[in-house]
Full PDB file with SEQRES, HELIX, SHEET, SSBOND, CRYST1, ORIGX, SCALE, CONECT and MASTER records, all heavy atoms in Angstrom:
SEQRES   1 A   42  ARG ALA GLN LEU LYS ALA GLY LEU LEU MET GLY LEU GLU          
SEQRES   2 A   42  SER PRO THR GLY GLN ALA GLU ARG MET ALA ARG SER LEU          
SEQRES   3 A   42  ALA ILE TRP GLY ARG VAL ALA ASP PRO ALA GLU VAL ALA          
SEQRES   4 A   42  GLU ARG ILE                                                  
HELIX    1 AA1 ALA A    2  GLY A   11  1                                  10    
HELIX    2 AA2 PRO A   15  TRP A   29  1                                  15    
HELIX    3 AA3 PRO A   35  ARG A   41  1                                   7    
CRYST1    1.000    1.000    1.000  90.00  90.00  90.00 P 1           1          
ORIGX1      1.000000  0.000000  0.000000        0.00000                         
ORIGX2      0.000000  1.000000  0.000000        0.00000                         
ORIGX3      0.000000  0.000000  1.000000        0.00000                         
SCALE1      1.000000  0.000000  0.000000        0.00000                         
SCALE2      0.000000  1.000000  0.000000        0.00000                         
SCALE3      0.000000  0.000000  1.000000        0.00000                         
ATOM      1  N   ARG A   1     150.548 211.089 237.150  1.00  0.00           N  
ATOM      2  CA  ARG A   1     150.198 211.732 235.881  1.00  0.00           C  
ATOM      3  C   ARG A   1     148.746 212.196 235.902  1.00  0.00           C  
ATOM      4  O   ARG A   1     148.421 213.314 235.502  1.00  0.00           O  
ATOM      5  CB  ARG A   1     150.391 210.763 234.714  1.00  0.00           C  
ATOM      6  CG  ARG A   1     151.800 210.490 234.287  1.00  0.00           C  
ATOM      7  CD  ARG A   1     151.783 209.835 232.903  1.00  0.00           C  
ATOM      8  NE  ARG A   1     152.920 208.958 232.698  1.00  0.00           N  
ATOM      9  CZ  ARG A   1     152.885 207.634 232.823  1.00  0.00           C  
ATOM     10  NH1 ARG A   1     151.754 207.023 233.151  1.00  0.00           N  
ATOM     11  NH2 ARG A   1     153.966 206.915 232.614  1.00  0.00           N  
ATOM     12  N   ALA A   2     147.863 211.316 236.339  1.00  0.00           N  
ATOM     13  CA  ALA A   2     146.437 211.648 236.387  1.00  0.00           C  
ATOM     14  C   ALA A   2     146.176 212.822 237.316  1.00  0.00           C  
ATOM     15  O   ALA A   2     145.375 213.723 236.995  1.00  0.00           O  
ATOM     16  CB  ALA A   2     145.632 210.428 236.834  1.00  0.00           C  
ATOM     17  N   GLN A   3     146.844 212.854 238.460  1.00  0.00           N  
ATOM     18  CA  GLN A   3     146.671 213.963 239.397  1.00  0.00           C  
ATOM     19  C   GLN A   3     147.150 215.274 238.794  1.00  0.00           C  
ATOM     20  O   GLN A   3     146.503 216.324 238.955  1.00  0.00           O  
ATOM     21  CB  GLN A   3     147.429 213.664 240.693  1.00  0.00           C  
ATOM     22  CG  GLN A   3     146.817 212.540 241.510  1.00  0.00           C  
ATOM     23  CD  GLN A   3     147.696 212.134 242.682  1.00  0.00           C  
ATOM     24  OE1 GLN A   3     148.919 212.312 242.662  1.00  0.00           O  
ATOM     25  NE2 GLN A   3     147.086 211.571 243.717  1.00  0.00           N  
ATOM     26  N   LEU A   4     148.282 215.225 238.093  1.00  0.00           N  
ATOM     27  CA  LEU A   4     148.835 216.439 237.491  1.00  0.00           C  
ATOM     28  C   LEU A   4     147.916 216.967 236.394  1.00  0.00           C  
ATOM     29  O   LEU A   4     147.632 218.172 236.330  1.00  0.00           O  
ATOM     30  CB  LEU A   4     150.226 216.130 236.924  1.00  0.00           C  
ATOM     31  CG  LEU A   4     151.115 217.310 236.541  1.00  0.00           C  
ATOM     32  CD1 LEU A   4     151.314 218.248 237.705  1.00  0.00           C  
ATOM     33  CD2 LEU A   4     152.459 216.799 236.023  1.00  0.00           C  
ATOM     34  N   LYS A   5     147.417 216.083 235.542  1.00  0.00           N  
ATOM     35  CA  LYS A   5     146.516 216.509 234.467  1.00  0.00           C  
ATOM     36  C   LYS A   5     145.192 217.013 235.029  1.00  0.00           C  
ATOM     37  O   LYS A   5     144.660 218.031 234.552  1.00  0.00           O  
ATOM     38  CB  LYS A   5     146.276 215.357 233.493  1.00  0.00           C  
ATOM     39  CG  LYS A   5     147.470 215.019 232.632  1.00  0.00           C  
ATOM     40  CD  LYS A   5     147.113 214.027 231.543  1.00  0.00           C  
ATOM     41  CE  LYS A   5     146.744 212.680 232.117  1.00  0.00           C  
ATOM     42  NZ  LYS A   5     146.473 211.673 231.055  1.00  0.00           N  
ATOM     43  N   ALA A   6     144.664 216.331 236.030  1.00  0.00           N  
ATOM     44  CA  ALA A   6     143.402 216.759 236.619  1.00  0.00           C  
ATOM     45  C   ALA A   6     143.544 218.132 237.268  1.00  0.00           C  
ATOM     46  O   ALA A   6     142.664 218.990 237.135  1.00  0.00           O  
ATOM     47  CB  ALA A   6     142.932 215.740 237.655  1.00  0.00           C  
ATOM     48  N   GLY A   7     144.654 218.347 237.970  1.00  0.00           N  
ATOM     49  CA  GLY A   7     144.879 219.650 238.587  1.00  0.00           C  
ATOM     50  C   GLY A   7     144.942 220.763 237.555  1.00  0.00           C  
ATOM     51  O   GLY A   7     144.392 221.843 237.754  1.00  0.00           O  
ATOM     52  N   LEU A   8     145.617 220.488 236.435  1.00  0.00           N  
ATOM     53  CA  LEU A   8     145.698 221.470 235.356  1.00  0.00           C  
ATOM     54  C   LEU A   8     144.317 221.784 234.797  1.00  0.00           C  
ATOM     55  O   LEU A   8     143.914 222.947 234.713  1.00  0.00           O  
ATOM     56  CB  LEU A   8     146.598 220.930 234.238  1.00  0.00           C  
ATOM     57  CG  LEU A   8     146.551 221.678 232.901  1.00  0.00           C  
ATOM     58  CD1 LEU A   8     147.179 223.051 233.035  1.00  0.00           C  
ATOM     59  CD2 LEU A   8     147.252 220.862 231.804  1.00  0.00           C  
ATOM     60  N   LEU A   9     143.577 220.747 234.417  1.00  0.00           N  
ATOM     61  CA  LEU A   9     142.295 220.959 233.750  1.00  0.00           C  
ATOM     62  C   LEU A   9     141.244 221.532 234.688  1.00  0.00           C  
ATOM     63  O   LEU A   9     140.445 222.382 234.295  1.00  0.00           O  
ATOM     64  CB  LEU A   9     141.812 219.643 233.140  1.00  0.00           C  
ATOM     65  CG  LEU A   9     142.719 219.087 232.032  1.00  0.00           C  
ATOM     66  CD1 LEU A   9     142.254 217.713 231.600  1.00  0.00           C  
ATOM     67  CD2 LEU A   9     142.753 220.042 230.841  1.00  0.00           C  
ATOM     68  N   MET A  10     141.231 221.103 235.934  1.00  0.00           N  
ATOM     69  CA  MET A  10     140.275 221.656 236.890  1.00  0.00           C  
ATOM     70  C   MET A  10     140.557 223.133 237.149  1.00  0.00           C  
ATOM     71  O   MET A  10     139.637 223.941 237.270  1.00  0.00           O  
ATOM     72  CB  MET A  10     140.325 220.868 238.203  1.00  0.00           C  
ATOM     73  CG  MET A  10     139.764 219.466 238.117  1.00  0.00           C  
ATOM     74  SD  MET A  10     139.949 218.571 239.679  1.00  0.00           S  
ATOM     75  CE  MET A  10     139.360 216.945 239.217  1.00  0.00           C  
ATOM     76  N   GLY A  11     141.841 223.477 237.212  1.00  0.00           N  
ATOM     77  CA  GLY A  11     142.199 224.875 237.427  1.00  0.00           C  
ATOM     78  C   GLY A  11     141.779 225.769 236.291  1.00  0.00           C  
ATOM     79  O   GLY A  11     141.433 226.940 236.487  1.00  0.00           O  
ATOM     80  N   LEU A  12     141.768 225.228 235.073  1.00  0.00           N  
ATOM     81  CA  LEU A  12     141.422 226.019 233.902  1.00  0.00           C  
ATOM     82  C   LEU A  12     139.921 226.245 233.770  1.00  0.00           C  
ATOM     83  O   LEU A  12     139.488 227.024 232.921  1.00  0.00           O  
ATOM     84  CB  LEU A  12     141.954 225.343 232.635  1.00  0.00           C  
ATOM     85  CG  LEU A  12     143.474 225.247 232.540  1.00  0.00           C  
ATOM     86  CD1 LEU A  12     143.891 224.655 231.211  1.00  0.00           C  
ATOM     87  CD2 LEU A  12     144.130 226.594 232.747  1.00  0.00           C  
ATOM     88  N   GLU A  13     139.122 225.573 234.583  1.00  0.00           N  
ATOM     89  CA  GLU A  13     137.685 225.818 234.567  1.00  0.00           C  
ATOM     90  C   GLU A  13     137.323 227.116 235.271  1.00  0.00           C  
ATOM     91  O   GLU A  13     136.206 227.606 235.153  1.00  0.00           O  
ATOM     92  CB  GLU A  13     136.947 224.636 235.203  1.00  0.00           C  
ATOM     93  CG  GLU A  13     137.046 223.363 234.368  1.00  0.00           C  
ATOM     94  CD  GLU A  13     136.317 222.187 234.982  1.00  0.00           C  
ATOM     95  OE1 GLU A  13     135.805 222.341 236.116  1.00  0.00           O  
ATOM     96  OE2 GLU A  13     136.244 221.130 234.340  1.00  0.00           O  
ATOM     97  N   SER A  14     138.262 227.682 235.995  1.00  0.00           N  
ATOM     98  CA  SER A  14     138.069 228.975 236.655  1.00  0.00           C  
ATOM     99  C   SER A  14     138.667 230.081 235.796  1.00  0.00           C  
ATOM    100  O   SER A  14     139.819 229.967 235.366  1.00  0.00           O  
ATOM    101  CB  SER A  14     138.761 228.967 238.025  1.00  0.00           C  
ATOM    102  OG  SER A  14     139.077 230.268 238.457  1.00  0.00           O  
ATOM    103  N   PRO A  15     137.934 231.165 235.529  1.00  0.00           N  
ATOM    104  CA  PRO A  15     138.517 232.271 234.762  1.00  0.00           C  
ATOM    105  C   PRO A  15     139.781 232.832 235.401  1.00  0.00           C  
ATOM    106  O   PRO A  15     140.738 233.166 234.698  1.00  0.00           O  
ATOM    107  CB  PRO A  15     137.388 233.306 234.732  1.00  0.00           C  
ATOM    108  CG  PRO A  15     136.135 232.531 234.909  1.00  0.00           C  
ATOM    109  CD  PRO A  15     136.505 231.400 235.831  1.00  0.00           C  
ATOM    110  N   THR A  16     139.796 232.917 236.722  1.00  0.00           N  
ATOM    111  CA  THR A  16     140.979 233.435 237.402  1.00  0.00           C  
ATOM    112  C   THR A  16     142.173 232.504 237.196  1.00  0.00           C  
ATOM    113  O   THR A  16     143.284 232.953 236.901  1.00  0.00           O  
ATOM    114  CB  THR A  16     140.700 233.621 238.903  1.00  0.00           C  
ATOM    115  OG1 THR A  16     139.563 234.466 239.076  1.00  0.00           O  
ATOM    116  CG2 THR A  16     141.898 234.236 239.607  1.00  0.00           C  
ATOM    117  N   GLY A  17     141.950 231.185 237.328  1.00  0.00           N  
ATOM    118  CA  GLY A  17     143.016 230.220 237.095  1.00  0.00           C  
ATOM    119  C   GLY A  17     143.504 230.251 235.657  1.00  0.00           C  
ATOM    120  O   GLY A  17     144.701 230.136 235.386  1.00  0.00           O  
ATOM    121  N   GLN A  18     142.575 230.433 234.729  1.00  0.00           N  
ATOM    122  CA  GLN A  18     142.934 230.509 233.316  1.00  0.00           C  
ATOM    123  C   GLN A  18     143.792 231.741 233.037  1.00  0.00           C  
ATOM    124  O   GLN A  18     144.816 231.658 232.343  1.00  0.00           O  
ATOM    125  CB  GLN A  18     141.660 230.560 232.480  1.00  0.00           C  
ATOM    126  CG  GLN A  18     141.862 230.635 230.985  1.00  0.00           C  
ATOM    127  CD  GLN A  18     142.300 229.329 230.385  1.00  0.00           C  
ATOM    128  OE1 GLN A  18     143.451 229.199 229.985  1.00  0.00           O  
ATOM    129  NE2 GLN A  18     141.403 228.363 230.306  1.00  0.00           N  
ATOM    130  N   ALA A  19     143.384 232.896 233.563  1.00  0.00           N  
ATOM    131  CA  ALA A  19     144.143 234.131 233.341  1.00  0.00           C  
ATOM    132  C   ALA A  19     145.539 234.027 233.947  1.00  0.00           C  
ATOM    133  O   ALA A  19     146.532 234.446 233.335  1.00  0.00           O  
ATOM    134  CB  ALA A  19     143.387 235.325 233.925  1.00  0.00           C  
ATOM    135  N   GLU A  20     145.613 233.460 235.146  1.00  0.00           N  
ATOM    136  CA  GLU A  20     146.904 233.279 235.818  1.00  0.00           C  
ATOM    137  C   GLU A  20     147.826 232.398 234.976  1.00  0.00           C  
ATOM    138  O   GLU A  20     148.995 232.726 234.760  1.00  0.00           O  
ATOM    139  CB  GLU A  20     146.685 232.641 237.189  1.00  0.00           C  
ATOM    140  CG  GLU A  20     147.941 232.129 237.886  1.00  0.00           C  
ATOM    141  CD  GLU A  20     148.694 233.205 238.616  1.00  0.00           C  
ATOM    142  OE1 GLU A  20     148.104 234.262 238.892  1.00  0.00           O  
ATOM    143  OE2 GLU A  20     149.881 232.992 238.923  1.00  0.00           O  
ATOM    144  N   ARG A  21     147.308 231.279 234.493  1.00  0.00           N  
ATOM    145  CA  ARG A  21     148.134 230.366 233.701  1.00  0.00           C  
ATOM    146  C   ARG A  21     148.618 231.035 232.422  1.00  0.00           C  
ATOM    147  O   ARG A  21     149.791 230.902 232.039  1.00  0.00           O  
ATOM    148  CB  ARG A  21     147.353 229.098 233.366  1.00  0.00           C  
ATOM    149  CG  ARG A  21     148.125 228.166 232.436  1.00  0.00           C  
ATOM    150  CD  ARG A  21     147.358 226.910 232.091  1.00  0.00           C  
ATOM    151  NE  ARG A  21     148.094 226.113 231.118  1.00  0.00           N  
ATOM    152  CZ  ARG A  21     147.966 226.197 229.798  1.00  0.00           C  
ATOM    153  NH1 ARG A  21     147.089 227.051 229.272  1.00  0.00           N  
ATOM    154  NH2 ARG A  21     148.674 225.443 228.990  1.00  0.00           N  
ATOM    155  N   MET A  22     147.730 231.755 231.734  1.00  0.00           N  
ATOM    156  CA  MET A  22     148.129 232.401 230.482  1.00  0.00           C  
ATOM    157  C   MET A  22     149.223 233.433 230.727  1.00  0.00           C  
ATOM    158  O   MET A  22     150.215 233.495 229.985  1.00  0.00           O  
ATOM    159  CB  MET A  22     146.912 233.055 229.816  1.00  0.00           C  
ATOM    160  CG  MET A  22     145.886 232.079 229.297  1.00  0.00           C  
ATOM    161  SD  MET A  22     144.612 232.860 228.272  1.00  0.00           S  
ATOM    162  CE  MET A  22     143.928 234.087 229.388  1.00  0.00           C  
ATOM    163  N   ALA A  23     149.051 234.253 231.754  1.00  0.00           N  
ATOM    164  CA  ALA A  23     150.028 235.306 232.033  1.00  0.00           C  
ATOM    165  C   ALA A  23     151.388 234.717 232.399  1.00  0.00           C  
ATOM    166  O   ALA A  23     152.430 235.154 231.893  1.00  0.00           O  
ATOM    167  CB  ALA A  23     149.518 236.211 233.155  1.00  0.00           C  
ATOM    168  N   ARG A  24     151.390 233.714 233.269  1.00  0.00           N  
ATOM    169  CA  ARG A  24     152.657 233.140 233.690  1.00  0.00           C  
ATOM    170  C   ARG A  24     153.329 232.368 232.550  1.00  0.00           C  
ATOM    171  O   ARG A  24     154.540 232.414 232.385  1.00  0.00           O  
ATOM    172  CB  ARG A  24     152.445 232.214 234.903  1.00  0.00           C  
ATOM    173  CG  ARG A  24     151.976 232.942 236.145  1.00  0.00           C  
ATOM    174  CD  ARG A  24     152.998 233.973 236.630  1.00  0.00           C  
ATOM    175  NE  ARG A  24     154.238 233.348 237.051  1.00  0.00           N  
ATOM    176  CZ  ARG A  24     155.439 233.768 236.676  1.00  0.00           C  
ATOM    177  NH1 ARG A  24     155.570 234.815 235.854  1.00  0.00           N  
ATOM    178  NH2 ARG A  24     156.522 233.165 237.121  1.00  0.00           N  
ATOM    179  N   SER A  25     152.537 231.626 231.754  1.00  0.00           N  
ATOM    180  CA  SER A  25     153.116 230.891 230.625  1.00  0.00           C  
ATOM    181  C   SER A  25     153.742 231.839 229.615  1.00  0.00           C  
ATOM    182  O   SER A  25     154.836 231.594 229.100  1.00  0.00           O  
ATOM    183  CB  SER A  25     152.035 230.050 229.940  1.00  0.00           C  
ATOM    184  OG  SER A  25     151.544 229.045 230.792  1.00  0.00           O  
ATOM    185  N   LEU A  26     153.048 232.929 229.342  1.00  0.00           N  
ATOM    186  CA  LEU A  26     153.557 233.906 228.381  1.00  0.00           C  
ATOM    187  C   LEU A  26     154.841 234.548 228.885  1.00  0.00           C  
ATOM    188  O   LEU A  26     155.795 234.764 228.125  1.00  0.00           O  
ATOM    189  CB  LEU A  26     152.487 234.968 228.112  1.00  0.00           C  
ATOM    190  CG  LEU A  26     152.676 235.877 226.903  1.00  0.00           C  
ATOM    191  CD1 LEU A  26     152.805 235.073 225.617  1.00  0.00           C  
ATOM    192  CD2 LEU A  26     151.508 236.863 226.804  1.00  0.00           C  
ATOM    193  N   ALA A  27     154.894 234.830 230.178  1.00  0.00           N  
ATOM    194  CA  ALA A  27     156.088 235.438 230.764  1.00  0.00           C  
ATOM    195  C   ALA A  27     157.279 234.468 230.757  1.00  0.00           C  
ATOM    196  O   ALA A  27     158.415 234.875 230.528  1.00  0.00           O  
ATOM    197  CB  ALA A  27     155.799 235.901 232.191  1.00  0.00           C  
ATOM    198  N   ILE A  28     157.014 233.195 231.005  1.00  0.00           N  
ATOM    199  CA  ILE A  28     158.097 232.211 231.139  1.00  0.00           C  
ATOM    200  C   ILE A  28     158.558 231.689 229.784  1.00  0.00           C  
ATOM    201  O   ILE A  28     159.751 231.677 229.471  1.00  0.00           O  
ATOM    202  CB  ILE A  28     157.631 231.037 232.028  1.00  0.00           C  
ATOM    203  CG1 ILE A  28     157.366 231.527 233.451  1.00  0.00           C  
ATOM    204  CG2 ILE A  28     158.675 229.921 232.034  1.00  0.00           C  
ATOM    205  CD1 ILE A  28     156.537 230.567 234.283  1.00  0.00           C  
ATOM    206  N   TRP A  29     157.602 231.226 228.970  1.00  0.00           N  
ATOM    207  CA  TRP A  29     157.955 230.540 227.718  1.00  0.00           C  
ATOM    208  C   TRP A  29     157.693 231.371 226.461  1.00  0.00           C  
ATOM    209  O   TRP A  29     158.036 230.946 225.364  1.00  0.00           O  
ATOM    210  CB  TRP A  29     157.171 229.227 227.607  1.00  0.00           C  
ATOM    211  CG  TRP A  29     157.580 228.208 228.624  1.00  0.00           C  
ATOM    212  CD1 TRP A  29     158.776 227.534 228.678  1.00  0.00           C  
ATOM    213  CD2 TRP A  29     156.816 227.728 229.734  1.00  0.00           C  
ATOM    214  NE1 TRP A  29     158.794 226.670 229.754  1.00  0.00           N  
ATOM    215  CE2 TRP A  29     157.603 226.765 230.421  1.00  0.00           C  
ATOM    216  CE3 TRP A  29     155.543 228.015 230.228  1.00  0.00           C  
ATOM    217  CZ2 TRP A  29     157.151 226.096 231.561  1.00  0.00           C  
ATOM    218  CZ3 TRP A  29     155.093 227.354 231.356  1.00  0.00           C  
ATOM    219  CH2 TRP A  29     155.895 226.412 232.017  1.00  0.00           C  
ATOM    220  N   GLY A  30     157.039 232.531 226.619  1.00  0.00           N  
ATOM    221  CA  GLY A  30     156.740 233.352 225.455  1.00  0.00           C  
ATOM    222  C   GLY A  30     155.575 232.840 224.638  1.00  0.00           C  
ATOM    223  O   GLY A  30     155.299 233.341 223.539  1.00  0.00           O  
ATOM    224  N   ARG A  31     154.853 231.861 225.148  1.00  0.00           N  
ATOM    225  CA  ARG A  31     153.693 231.293 224.476  1.00  0.00           C  
ATOM    226  C   ARG A  31     152.790 230.652 225.518  1.00  0.00           C  
ATOM    227  O   ARG A  31     153.203 230.444 226.663  1.00  0.00           O  
ATOM    228  CB  ARG A  31     154.101 230.257 223.422  1.00  0.00           C  
ATOM    229  CG  ARG A  31     154.841 229.063 224.006  1.00  0.00           C  
ATOM    230  CD  ARG A  31     155.394 228.138 222.931  1.00  0.00           C  
ATOM    231  NE  ARG A  31     154.320 227.425 222.236  1.00  0.00           N  
ATOM    232  CZ  ARG A  31     153.906 226.201 222.572  1.00  0.00           C  
ATOM    233  NH1 ARG A  31     154.456 225.547 223.589  1.00  0.00           N  
ATOM    234  NH2 ARG A  31     152.950 225.617 221.880  1.00  0.00           N  
ATOM    235  N   VAL A  32     151.578 230.321 225.105  1.00  0.00           N  
ATOM    236  CA  VAL A  32     150.642 229.619 225.982  1.00  0.00           C  
ATOM    237  C   VAL A  32     150.293 228.295 225.324  1.00  0.00           C  
ATOM    238  O   VAL A  32     149.596 228.268 224.298  1.00  0.00           O  
ATOM    239  CB  VAL A  32     149.364 230.444 226.240  1.00  0.00           C  
ATOM    240  CG1 VAL A  32     148.435 229.691 227.193  1.00  0.00           C  
ATOM    241  CG2 VAL A  32     149.714 231.817 226.818  1.00  0.00           C  
ATOM    242  N   ALA A  33     150.791 227.227 225.875  1.00  0.00           N  
ATOM    243  CA  ALA A  33     150.538 225.905 225.303  1.00  0.00           C  
ATOM    244  C   ALA A  33     149.088 225.497 225.533  1.00  0.00           C  
ATOM    245  O   ALA A  33     148.502 225.784 226.586  1.00  0.00           O  
ATOM    246  CB  ALA A  33     151.469 224.875 225.925  1.00  0.00           C  
ATOM    247  N   ASP A  34     148.509 224.830 224.549  1.00  0.00           N  
ATOM    248  CA  ASP A  34     147.164 224.306 224.701  1.00  0.00           C  
ATOM    249  C   ASP A  34     147.177 223.208 225.767  1.00  0.00           C  
ATOM    250  O   ASP A  34     148.149 222.444 225.867  1.00  0.00           O  
ATOM    251  CB  ASP A  34     146.681 223.732 223.366  1.00  0.00           C  
ATOM    252  CG  ASP A  34     145.226 223.310 223.419  1.00  0.00           C  
ATOM    253  OD1 ASP A  34     144.361 224.175 223.198  1.00  0.00           O  
ATOM    254  OD2 ASP A  34     144.962 222.114 223.688  1.00  0.00           O  
ATOM    255  N   PRO A  35     146.111 223.111 226.587  1.00  0.00           N  
ATOM    256  CA  PRO A  35     146.079 222.062 227.618  1.00  0.00           C  
ATOM    257  C   PRO A  35     146.311 220.658 227.057  1.00  0.00           C  
ATOM    258  O   PRO A  35     146.926 219.815 227.719  1.00  0.00           O  
ATOM    259  CB  PRO A  35     144.672 222.207 228.207  1.00  0.00           C  
ATOM    260  CG  PRO A  35     144.324 223.643 228.007  1.00  0.00           C  
ATOM    261  CD  PRO A  35     144.956 224.018 226.704  1.00  0.00           C  
ATOM    262  N   ALA A  36     145.811 220.401 225.846  1.00  0.00           N  
ATOM    263  CA  ALA A  36     146.019 219.081 225.243  1.00  0.00           C  
ATOM    264  C   ALA A  36     147.508 218.820 225.010  1.00  0.00           C  
ATOM    265  O   ALA A  36     147.987 217.685 225.179  1.00  0.00           O  
ATOM    266  CB  ALA A  36     145.248 218.974 223.934  1.00  0.00           C  
ATOM    267  N   GLU A  37     148.249 219.857 224.623  1.00  0.00           N  
ATOM    268  CA  GLU A  37     149.695 219.711 224.418  1.00  0.00           C  
ATOM    269  C   GLU A  37     150.398 219.404 225.731  1.00  0.00           C  
ATOM    270  O   GLU A  37     151.287 218.543 225.791  1.00  0.00           O  
ATOM    271  CB  GLU A  37     150.260 220.999 223.812  1.00  0.00           C  
ATOM    272  CG  GLU A  37     151.762 220.982 223.614  1.00  0.00           C  
ATOM    273  CD  GLU A  37     152.323 222.326 223.178  1.00  0.00           C  
ATOM    274  OE1 GLU A  37     151.540 223.145 222.624  1.00  0.00           O  
ATOM    275  OE2 GLU A  37     153.530 222.568 223.380  1.00  0.00           O  
ATOM    276  N   VAL A  38     149.990 220.113 226.798  1.00  0.00           N  
ATOM    277  CA  VAL A  38     150.592 219.868 228.107  1.00  0.00           C  
ATOM    278  C   VAL A  38     150.274 218.450 228.574  1.00  0.00           C  
ATOM    279  O   VAL A  38     151.140 217.741 229.101  1.00  0.00           O  
ATOM    280  CB  VAL A  38     150.090 220.904 229.135  1.00  0.00           C  
ATOM    281  CG1 VAL A  38     150.661 220.598 230.522  1.00  0.00           C  
ATOM    282  CG2 VAL A  38     150.491 222.310 228.708  1.00  0.00           C  
ATOM    283  N   ALA A  39     149.021 218.019 228.376  1.00  0.00           N  
ATOM    284  CA  ALA A  39     148.635 216.664 228.776  1.00  0.00           C  
ATOM    285  C   ALA A  39     149.470 215.621 228.035  1.00  0.00           C  
ATOM    286  O   ALA A  39     149.871 214.600 228.623  1.00  0.00           O  
ATOM    287  CB  ALA A  39     147.150 216.450 228.510  1.00  0.00           C  
ATOM    288  N   GLU A  40     149.759 215.863 226.766  1.00  0.00           N  
ATOM    289  CA  GLU A  40     150.592 214.942 225.990  1.00  0.00           C  
ATOM    290  C   GLU A  40     152.005 214.858 226.568  1.00  0.00           C  
ATOM    291  O   GLU A  40     152.605 213.776 226.639  1.00  0.00           O  
ATOM    292  CB  GLU A  40     150.656 215.390 224.535  1.00  0.00           C  
ATOM    293  CG  GLU A  40     149.381 215.137 223.740  1.00  0.00           C  
ATOM    294  CD  GLU A  40     149.498 215.624 222.309  1.00  0.00           C  
ATOM    295  OE1 GLU A  40     150.619 216.014 221.895  1.00  0.00           O  
ATOM    296  OE2 GLU A  40     148.471 215.627 221.601  1.00  0.00           O  
ATOM    297  N   ARG A  41     152.531 215.998 226.969  1.00  0.00           N  
ATOM    298  CA  ARG A  41     153.882 216.007 227.547  1.00  0.00           C  
ATOM    299  C   ARG A  41     153.910 215.257 228.883  1.00  0.00           C  
ATOM    300  O   ARG A  41     154.889 214.579 229.205  1.00  0.00           O  
ATOM    301  CB  ARG A  41     154.351 217.449 227.737  1.00  0.00           C  
ATOM    302  CG  ARG A  41     154.577 218.180 226.428  1.00  0.00           C  
ATOM    303  CD  ARG A  41     155.133 219.572 226.659  1.00  0.00           C  
ATOM    304  NE  ARG A  41     155.320 220.282 225.406  1.00  0.00           N  
ATOM    305  CZ  ARG A  41     155.822 221.506 225.313  1.00  0.00           C  
ATOM    306  NH1 ARG A  41     156.179 222.162 226.417  1.00  0.00           N  
ATOM    307  NH2 ARG A  41     155.963 222.083 224.136  1.00  0.00           N  
ATOM    308  N   ILE A  42     152.841 215.417 229.660  1.00  0.00           N  
ATOM    309  CA  ILE A  42     152.753 214.686 230.923  1.00  0.00           C  
ATOM    310  C   ILE A  42     152.671 213.190 230.665  1.00  0.00           C  
ATOM    311  O   ILE A  42     153.361 212.387 231.302  1.00  0.00           O  
ATOM    312  CB  ILE A  42     151.535 215.179 231.734  1.00  0.00           C  
ATOM    313  CG1 ILE A  42     151.737 216.642 232.173  1.00  0.00           C  
ATOM    314  CG2 ILE A  42     151.295 214.283 232.956  1.00  0.00           C  
ATOM    315  CD1 ILE A  42     150.500 217.293 232.756  1.00  0.00           C  
TER     316      ILE A  42                                                      
MASTER        0    0    0    3    0    0    0    6  315    1    0    4          
END                                                                             
């Protein structure tokens, strides 16, 4: 769990990683979940 959350949050510190996540999340789920929401699910 810690590795998964750390990978998510560390990736979001990069603008490129952030843009990639937003685009893919929007394409897949039609929304962009807040990192805190994803961490809660993990």
